[in-house]
Amino acid sequence: MKLLHPLSSSLARSFTVLIAAGLAFSASAQTKWDMPTPYPATNFHTENIQQFAGDVDKASAGKLKITVHPNGALFKANEIKRAVQGGQAQIGEIIISGLSNEDPLFALDTIPFLATSYADAKTLWQASRAKVEAKFAKQGLKVLFSVPWPPQGIYSKGPLNSSADLKGVKIRSYSPTVARMIELMGAQPVTVQAAELTQALATGVVSANITSAATGYDSKSWEQLTYYFDVQAWLPKNVVLVNQKQFDSLDKTTQQAVLKAAADAEARGWKTSEEKTIWYVDQLKKNNMKVLPASTDLKKDLVGIGDRMTKEWLEKAGADGQAVLDAYRKAKK
């Protein structure tokens, strides 16, 4: 057997150490983020986020890996913001209006009939974004991007000729603003997260629902409910938030990769939401739901509720709210 020269043996050991060090450096150079989201993996919001995560991975050359945890699997919808703020998760998705008890500005996009089209919803977001971002920044959170839901409608077991037909009915709510609208209709709001909606309908916890055609499709609302009234009351938005300290800890190149992927995700998400709206409504019809516009009396009742809620919102939001509303109305002209 040929013996290695002592110098050769020393070089081999050094080479082995260098390889191990290189592997260790490679492992330490990779950053891993957990991203809880509230909706099913097949929901268009989640699919958009999965593409965002893939874009970040590719643009950062694998330096930042984001693992998406859909359908409230890691944290429930109402826990996600606190988890990101506290560092238990680095990044997450929430619905802005779910935080309206924290600040009235977060309720803006669920004021009935303030912004009922995608064009108006985008104008409203542009008018309010800077102030919304400033609110989150004070809590150590950075807004990466926002994507709207399709316009909101009312699901029910029976026909609705006016809001009086909903008196006393238990209706699913997903935010304080929606709960207020339900109260003004004379109904009973019950907070139910999207991931729990199917069970809530099946067990009678709620017997009506105010949400989009997308959530109605995800929860198979046709199994328990018969009617969908396409009232197009508002377009609520989700935002993706990142813990500011976690974002700041990334190198500049990776930060730019995240911001670029976020901008692409926002543009893609808005486009997809609008394009899929008709598809979702068609799926409700194909599953034998009766899809109808609001009756004249129901629309009149809801618009009146919207006017009242706008006044109530302005009283709470003060000068900041008035400035945003003025900017929105000016941009619409």
Protein backbone atom coordinates (compact mmCIF):
# COMPACT_ATOMS: atom_id res chain seq x y z
CA MET A 1 0.00 0.00 0.00
CA LYS A 2 1.29 3.42 -1.01
CA LEU A 3 1.66 5.82 1.90
CA LEU A 4 0.76 9.49 1.49
CA HIS A 5 3.51 11.99 2.01
CA PRO A 6 2.87 13.96 5.26
CA LEU A 7 2.53 17.15 3.21
CA SER A 8 -0.03 15.51 0.90
CA SER A 9 -2.00 14.27 3.91
CA SER A 10 -1.98 17.78 5.40
CA LEU A 11 -3.20 19.29 2.12
CA ALA A 12 -5.99 16.72 1.89
CA ARG A 13 -7.16 17.56 5.43
CA SER A 14 -7.04 21.27 4.64
CA PHE A 15 -9.03 20.70 1.46
CA THR A 16 -11.66 18.74 3.42
CA VAL A 17 -11.91 21.54 6.00
CA LEU A 18 -12.32 24.13 3.24
CA ILE A 19 -15.12 22.12 1.61
CA ALA A 20 -16.90 21.76 4.96
CA ALA A 21 -16.50 25.46 5.64
CA GLY A 22 -17.84 26.28 2.20
CA LEU A 23 -20.89 24.10 2.76
CA ALA A 24 -21.47 25.68 6.16
CA PHE A 25 -21.18 29.16 4.66
CA SER A 26 -23.60 28.22 1.89
CA ALA A 27 -26.12 26.97 4.44
CA SER A 28 -25.76 30.02 6.63
CA ALA A 29 -26.06 32.34 3.63
CA GLN A 30 -29.52 30.99 2.83
CA THR A 31 -32.38 32.68 4.66
CA LYS A 32 -35.65 30.83 5.23
CA TRP A 33 -38.97 32.57 5.88
CA ASP A 34 -42.30 31.06 6.89
CA MET A 35 -45.38 32.68 5.34
CA PRO A 36 -48.80 31.88 6.83
CA THR A 37 -51.85 32.64 4.66
CA PRO A 38 -55.55 32.25 5.52
CA TYR A 39 -56.92 30.75 2.30
CA PRO A 40 -56.81 27.36 0.48
CA ALA A 41 -53.87 26.47 -1.72
CA THR A 42 -56.16 26.60 -4.75
CA ASN A 43 -57.42 30.14 -4.03
CA PHE A 44 -56.10 32.72 -6.49
CA HIS A 45 -54.55 34.79 -3.67
CA THR A 46 -52.54 31.77 -2.51
CA GLU A 47 -51.53 30.79 -6.04
CA ASN A 48 -50.31 34.35 -6.60
CA ILE A 49 -48.31 34.21 -3.37
CA GLN A 50 -46.76 30.86 -4.35
CA GLN A 51 -45.57 32.47 -7.57
CA PHE A 52 -44.24 35.44 -5.58
CA ALA A 53 -42.25 33.03 -3.39
CA GLY A 54 -40.90 31.26 -6.47
CA ASP A 55 -39.92 34.57 -8.06
CA VAL A 56 -38.05 35.59 -4.90
CA ASP A 57 -36.21 32.27 -4.82
CA LYS A 58 -35.18 32.62 -8.46
CA ALA A 59 -34.24 36.32 -8.33
CA SER A 60 -32.21 35.87 -5.15
CA ALA A 61 -30.42 32.81 -6.58
CA GLY A 62 -31.78 30.72 -3.71
CA LYS A 63 -30.57 33.06 -0.97
CA LEU A 64 -34.13 33.60 0.31
CA LYS A 65 -36.56 30.70 0.54
CA ILE A 66 -40.18 31.47 1.46
CA THR A 67 -42.34 28.53 2.57
CA VAL A 68 -46.04 29.27 2.15
CA HIS A 69 -48.42 27.73 4.72
CA PRO A 70 -51.98 28.09 3.29
CA ASN A 71 -55.46 27.76 4.79
CA GLY A 72 -54.55 28.90 8.30
CA ALA A 73 -52.33 25.83 8.82
CA LEU A 74 -49.53 27.67 10.63
CA PHE A 75 -51.53 30.53 12.16
CA LYS A 76 -55.24 31.29 11.92
CA ALA A 77 -56.30 34.34 9.92
CA ASN A 78 -56.74 36.54 12.99
CA GLU A 79 -53.33 35.48 14.37
CA ILE A 80 -51.17 36.15 11.32
CA LYS A 81 -50.52 39.87 11.75
CA ARG A 82 -49.43 39.43 15.37
CA ALA A 83 -47.24 36.47 14.42
CA VAL A 84 -45.40 38.53 11.80
CA GLN A 85 -45.16 41.53 14.11
CA GLY A 86 -43.74 39.36 16.90
CA GLY A 87 -41.32 37.46 14.67
CA GLN A 88 -42.94 33.99 14.94
CA ALA A 89 -43.36 34.27 11.17
CA GLN A 90 -41.33 36.58 8.97
CA ILE A 91 -44.00 37.36 6.38
CA GLY A 92 -47.75 36.80 6.05
CA GLU A 93 -51.02 37.66 4.33
CA ILE A 94 -54.01 39.35 5.98
CA ILE A 95 -57.24 41.06 4.95
CA ILE A 96 -56.87 44.75 5.82
CA SER A 97 -60.43 45.28 7.03
CA GLY A 98 -59.97 42.57 9.64
CA LEU A 99 -57.88 45.13 11.55
CA SER A 100 -60.43 47.94 11.47
CA ASN A 101 -60.78 47.88 15.27
CA GLU A 102 -57.13 48.98 15.41
CA ASP A 103 -57.56 51.95 13.11
CA PRO A 104 -60.53 53.22 11.06
CA LEU A 105 -58.29 53.62 8.01
CA PHE A 106 -58.13 49.82 7.77
CA ALA A 107 -61.93 49.77 7.30
CA LEU A 108 -61.98 52.06 4.28
CA ASP A 109 -62.28 49.45 1.54
CA THR A 110 -65.31 47.79 3.18
CA ILE A 111 -67.53 50.85 3.36
CA PRO A 112 -70.52 49.73 1.27
CA PHE A 113 -70.77 51.28 -2.19
CA LEU A 114 -67.80 53.62 -1.78
CA ALA A 115 -65.73 51.74 -4.39
CA THR A 116 -67.59 49.01 -6.27
CA SER A 117 -65.48 48.46 -9.40
CA TYR A 118 -61.87 47.40 -9.91
CA ALA A 119 -61.02 50.84 -11.31
CA ASP A 120 -62.49 52.59 -8.28
CA ALA A 121 -60.91 50.11 -5.87
CA LYS A 122 -57.49 50.77 -7.41
CA THR A 123 -58.02 54.53 -7.16
CA LEU A 124 -59.02 54.12 -3.52
CA TRP A 125 -55.88 52.06 -2.83
CA GLN A 126 -53.67 54.65 -4.50
CA ALA A 127 -55.30 57.41 -2.43
CA SER A 128 -54.89 55.53 0.87
CA ARG A 129 -51.74 53.45 0.41
CA ALA A 130 -49.21 55.89 1.87
CA LYS A 131 -51.23 56.35 5.04
CA VAL A 132 -51.92 52.62 5.37
CA GLU A 133 -48.21 51.87 4.97
CA ALA A 134 -47.38 54.50 7.61
CA LYS A 135 -49.80 52.86 10.08
CA PHE A 136 -48.16 49.46 9.61
CA ALA A 137 -44.65 50.97 9.71
CA LYS A 138 -45.30 52.22 13.25
CA GLN A 139 -45.91 48.58 14.21
CA GLY A 140 -42.67 47.34 12.65
CA LEU A 141 -44.37 46.00 9.52
CA LYS A 142 -43.71 46.72 5.85
CA VAL A 143 -46.43 46.43 3.18
CA LEU A 144 -45.11 44.51 0.18
CA PHE A 145 -48.21 44.30 -1.97
CA SER A 146 -52.00 44.28 -2.00
CA VAL A 147 -54.55 42.31 -4.04
CA PRO A 148 -58.35 42.77 -4.01
CA TRP A 149 -61.10 40.22 -3.71
CA PRO A 150 -63.88 40.19 -6.28
CA PRO A 151 -66.91 42.40 -5.46
CA GLN A 152 -68.89 41.27 -2.42
CA GLY A 153 -72.38 39.80 -2.60
CA ILE A 154 -74.93 38.25 -0.26
CA TYR A 155 -75.57 34.50 0.00
CA SER A 156 -78.87 33.34 1.47
CA LYS A 157 -81.20 30.39 1.72
CA GLY A 158 -84.23 32.30 0.44
CA PRO A 159 -85.00 35.26 -1.83
CA LEU A 160 -84.22 38.78 -0.64
CA ASN A 161 -86.57 41.56 -1.67
CA SER A 162 -85.21 44.03 0.89
CA SER A 163 -82.92 44.07 3.93
CA ALA A 164 -86.01 43.31 6.05
CA ASP A 165 -85.82 39.71 4.78
CA LEU A 166 -82.54 39.34 6.70
CA LYS A 167 -83.90 40.51 10.05
CA GLY A 168 -82.61 38.27 12.84
CA VAL A 169 -80.64 36.04 10.44
CA LYS A 170 -77.16 34.93 11.56
CA ILE A 171 -74.77 36.19 8.88
CA ARG A 172 -71.08 35.43 8.64
CA SER A 173 -68.82 38.46 9.17
CA TYR A 174 -65.08 38.71 8.54
CA SER A 175 -64.40 42.22 9.84
CA PRO A 176 -65.87 44.82 12.24
CA THR A 177 -67.08 46.90 9.29
CA VAL A 178 -68.97 43.97 7.79
CA ALA A 179 -70.41 43.25 11.24
CA ARG A 180 -71.67 46.84 11.45
CA MET A 181 -73.37 46.54 8.07
CA ILE A 182 -75.06 43.31 9.18
CA GLU A 183 -76.28 45.02 12.36
CA LEU A 184 -77.73 47.90 10.32
CA MET A 185 -79.63 45.35 8.24
CA GLY A 186 -81.22 44.07 11.44
CA ALA A 187 -79.33 40.76 11.26
CA GLN A 188 -76.88 39.09 13.66
CA PRO A 189 -73.17 39.15 12.74
CA VAL A 190 -71.11 36.05 13.56
CA THR A 191 -67.35 36.19 13.01
CA VAL A 192 -66.20 33.18 10.98
CA GLN A 193 -62.80 32.89 9.29
CA ALA A 194 -62.72 31.72 5.68
CA ALA A 195 -61.09 28.39 6.57
CA GLU A 196 -64.00 27.61 8.93
CA LEU A 197 -66.87 28.84 6.74
CA THR A 198 -67.86 25.48 5.23
CA GLN A 199 -68.28 23.94 8.69
CA ALA A 200 -70.09 27.03 10.00
CA LEU A 201 -72.64 26.78 7.20
CA ALA A 202 -73.04 23.02 7.59
CA THR A 203 -73.63 23.23 11.34
CA GLY A 204 -75.95 26.23 11.25
CA VAL A 205 -73.58 28.60 13.03
CA VAL A 206 -74.48 31.00 10.20
CA SER A 207 -77.25 30.75 7.64
CA ALA A 208 -76.20 33.57 5.31
CA ASN A 209 -72.94 35.10 4.17
CA ILE A 210 -71.55 38.34 2.80
CA THR A 211 -68.47 37.63 0.72
CA SER A 212 -67.12 37.28 -2.81
CA ALA A 213 -67.94 34.68 -5.43
CA ALA A 214 -64.39 33.39 -4.86
CA THR A 215 -64.97 32.54 -1.19
CA GLY A 216 -68.41 31.17 -2.05
CA TYR A 217 -66.72 28.84 -4.51
CA ASP A 218 -63.93 27.85 -2.10
CA SER A 219 -66.45 27.02 0.65
CA LYS A 220 -68.94 25.27 -1.70
CA SER A 221 -71.70 27.55 -0.45
CA TRP A 222 -74.19 25.88 -2.82
CA GLU A 223 -74.24 22.86 -0.50
CA GLN A 224 -76.06 24.90 2.17
CA LEU A 225 -77.32 28.07 0.47
CA THR A 226 -79.47 28.67 -2.61
CA TYR A 227 -79.14 32.33 -3.62
CA TYR A 228 -76.24 34.64 -4.43
CA PHE A 229 -77.20 38.30 -4.80
CA ASP A 230 -74.45 39.98 -6.79
CA VAL A 231 -74.80 43.40 -5.11
CA GLN A 232 -71.12 44.34 -5.68
CA ALA A 233 -70.99 46.25 -2.40
CA TRP A 234 -67.20 46.68 -2.14
CA LEU A 235 -63.86 45.06 -3.02
CA PRO A 236 -61.88 44.28 0.14
CA LYS A 237 -58.12 43.91 -0.16
CA ASN A 238 -55.52 41.58 1.26
CA VAL A 239 -52.02 42.80 2.01
CA VAL A 240 -48.77 40.90 2.32
CA LEU A 241 -46.76 42.18 5.28
CA VAL A 242 -43.16 41.50 6.21
CA ASN A 243 -41.47 42.07 9.54
CA GLN A 244 -39.38 45.21 8.94
CA LYS A 245 -36.38 43.93 10.91
CA GLN A 246 -36.37 40.69 8.92
CA PHE A 247 -36.51 42.65 5.68
CA ASP A 248 -33.72 44.98 6.82
CA SER A 249 -31.51 41.99 7.65
CA LEU A 250 -31.44 40.96 3.98
CA ASP A 251 -28.63 42.20 1.77
CA LYS A 252 -29.54 44.97 -0.67
CA THR A 253 -29.67 42.68 -3.69
CA THR A 254 -32.11 40.31 -1.99
CA GLN A 255 -34.23 43.23 -0.78
CA GLN A 256 -34.53 44.44 -4.36
CA ALA A 257 -35.48 40.92 -5.46
CA VAL A 258 -38.30 40.88 -2.88
CA LEU A 259 -39.56 44.34 -3.88
CA LYS A 260 -39.51 43.48 -7.59
CA ALA A 261 -41.36 40.20 -7.00
CA ALA A 262 -43.88 42.06 -4.82
CA ALA A 263 -44.58 44.67 -7.50
CA ASP A 264 -45.09 41.89 -10.05
CA ALA A 265 -47.39 40.01 -7.64
CA GLU A 266 -49.54 43.10 -7.08
CA ALA A 267 -49.98 43.76 -10.81
CA ARG A 268 -50.63 40.08 -11.52
CA GLY A 269 -53.00 39.72 -8.54
CA TRP A 270 -55.22 42.64 -9.53
CA LYS A 271 -55.43 41.35 -13.09
CA THR A 272 -56.20 37.78 -12.00
CA SER A 273 -58.83 38.88 -9.49
CA GLU A 274 -60.73 40.81 -12.14
CA GLU A 275 -60.39 38.09 -14.77
CA LYS A 276 -61.55 35.31 -12.43
CA THR A 277 -64.59 37.18 -11.11
CA ILE A 278 -66.78 36.04 -14.02
CA TRP A 279 -65.41 32.50 -13.75
CA TYR A 280 -66.26 32.27 -10.05
CA VAL A 281 -69.82 33.51 -10.65
CA ASP A 282 -70.19 30.95 -13.45
CA GLN A 283 -69.11 28.19 -11.07
CA LEU A 284 -71.85 29.19 -8.63
CA LYS A 285 -74.38 28.98 -11.47
CA LYS A 286 -73.04 25.60 -12.62
CA ASN A 287 -73.61 24.30 -9.10
CA ASN A 288 -77.24 25.41 -9.27
CA MET A 289 -77.02 28.56 -7.19
CA LYS A 290 -79.52 31.23 -8.22
CA VAL A 291 -77.36 34.23 -9.07
CA LEU A 292 -79.36 37.45 -9.13
CA PRO A 293 -78.78 41.21 -9.01
CA ALA A 294 -80.05 43.13 -5.99
CA SER A 295 -83.70 44.13 -6.19
CA THR A 296 -84.49 47.84 -6.31
CA ASP A 297 -85.55 47.89 -2.64
CA LEU A 298 -82.54 45.86 -1.47
CA LYS A 299 -80.14 48.09 -3.38
CA LYS A 300 -81.81 51.19 -1.93
CA ASP A 301 -81.51 49.79 1.60
CA LEU A 302 -77.85 48.90 1.13
CA VAL A 303 -76.91 52.26 -0.40
CA GLY A 304 -78.58 53.98 2.55
CA ILE A 305 -76.56 51.83 4.94
CA GLY A 306 -73.42 52.71 2.96
CA ASP A 307 -74.11 56.45 3.29
CA ARG A 308 -74.59 56.09 7.04
CA MET A 309 -71.42 54.02 7.42
CA THR A 310 -69.41 56.58 5.42
CA LYS A 311 -70.48 59.30 7.86
CA GLU A 312 -69.68 57.07 10.84
CA TRP A 313 -66.29 56.24 9.35
CA LEU A 314 -65.39 59.90 8.84
CA GLU A 315 -66.26 60.67 12.46
CA LYS A 316 -63.76 58.04 13.59
CA ALA A 317 -61.08 58.62 10.93
CA GLY A 318 -60.92 62.39 11.39
CA ALA A 319 -58.61 64.58 9.30
CA ASP A 320 -56.59 61.63 7.93
CA GLY A 321 -59.75 59.94 6.74
CA GLN A 322 -61.14 63.09 5.20
CA ALA A 323 -57.87 63.69 3.34
CA VAL A 324 -57.93 60.18 1.87
CA LEU A 325 -61.58 60.42 0.92
CA ASP A 326 -61.05 63.82 -0.71
CA ALA A 327 -58.07 62.49 -2.67
CA TYR A 328 -60.10 59.49 -3.82
CA ARG A 329 -63.08 61.56 -4.94
CA LYS A 330 -60.84 64.04 -6.72
CA ALA A 331 -59.01 61.25 -8.58
CA LYS A 332 -62.33 59.74 -9.69
CA LYS A 333 -63.44 62.95 -11.45
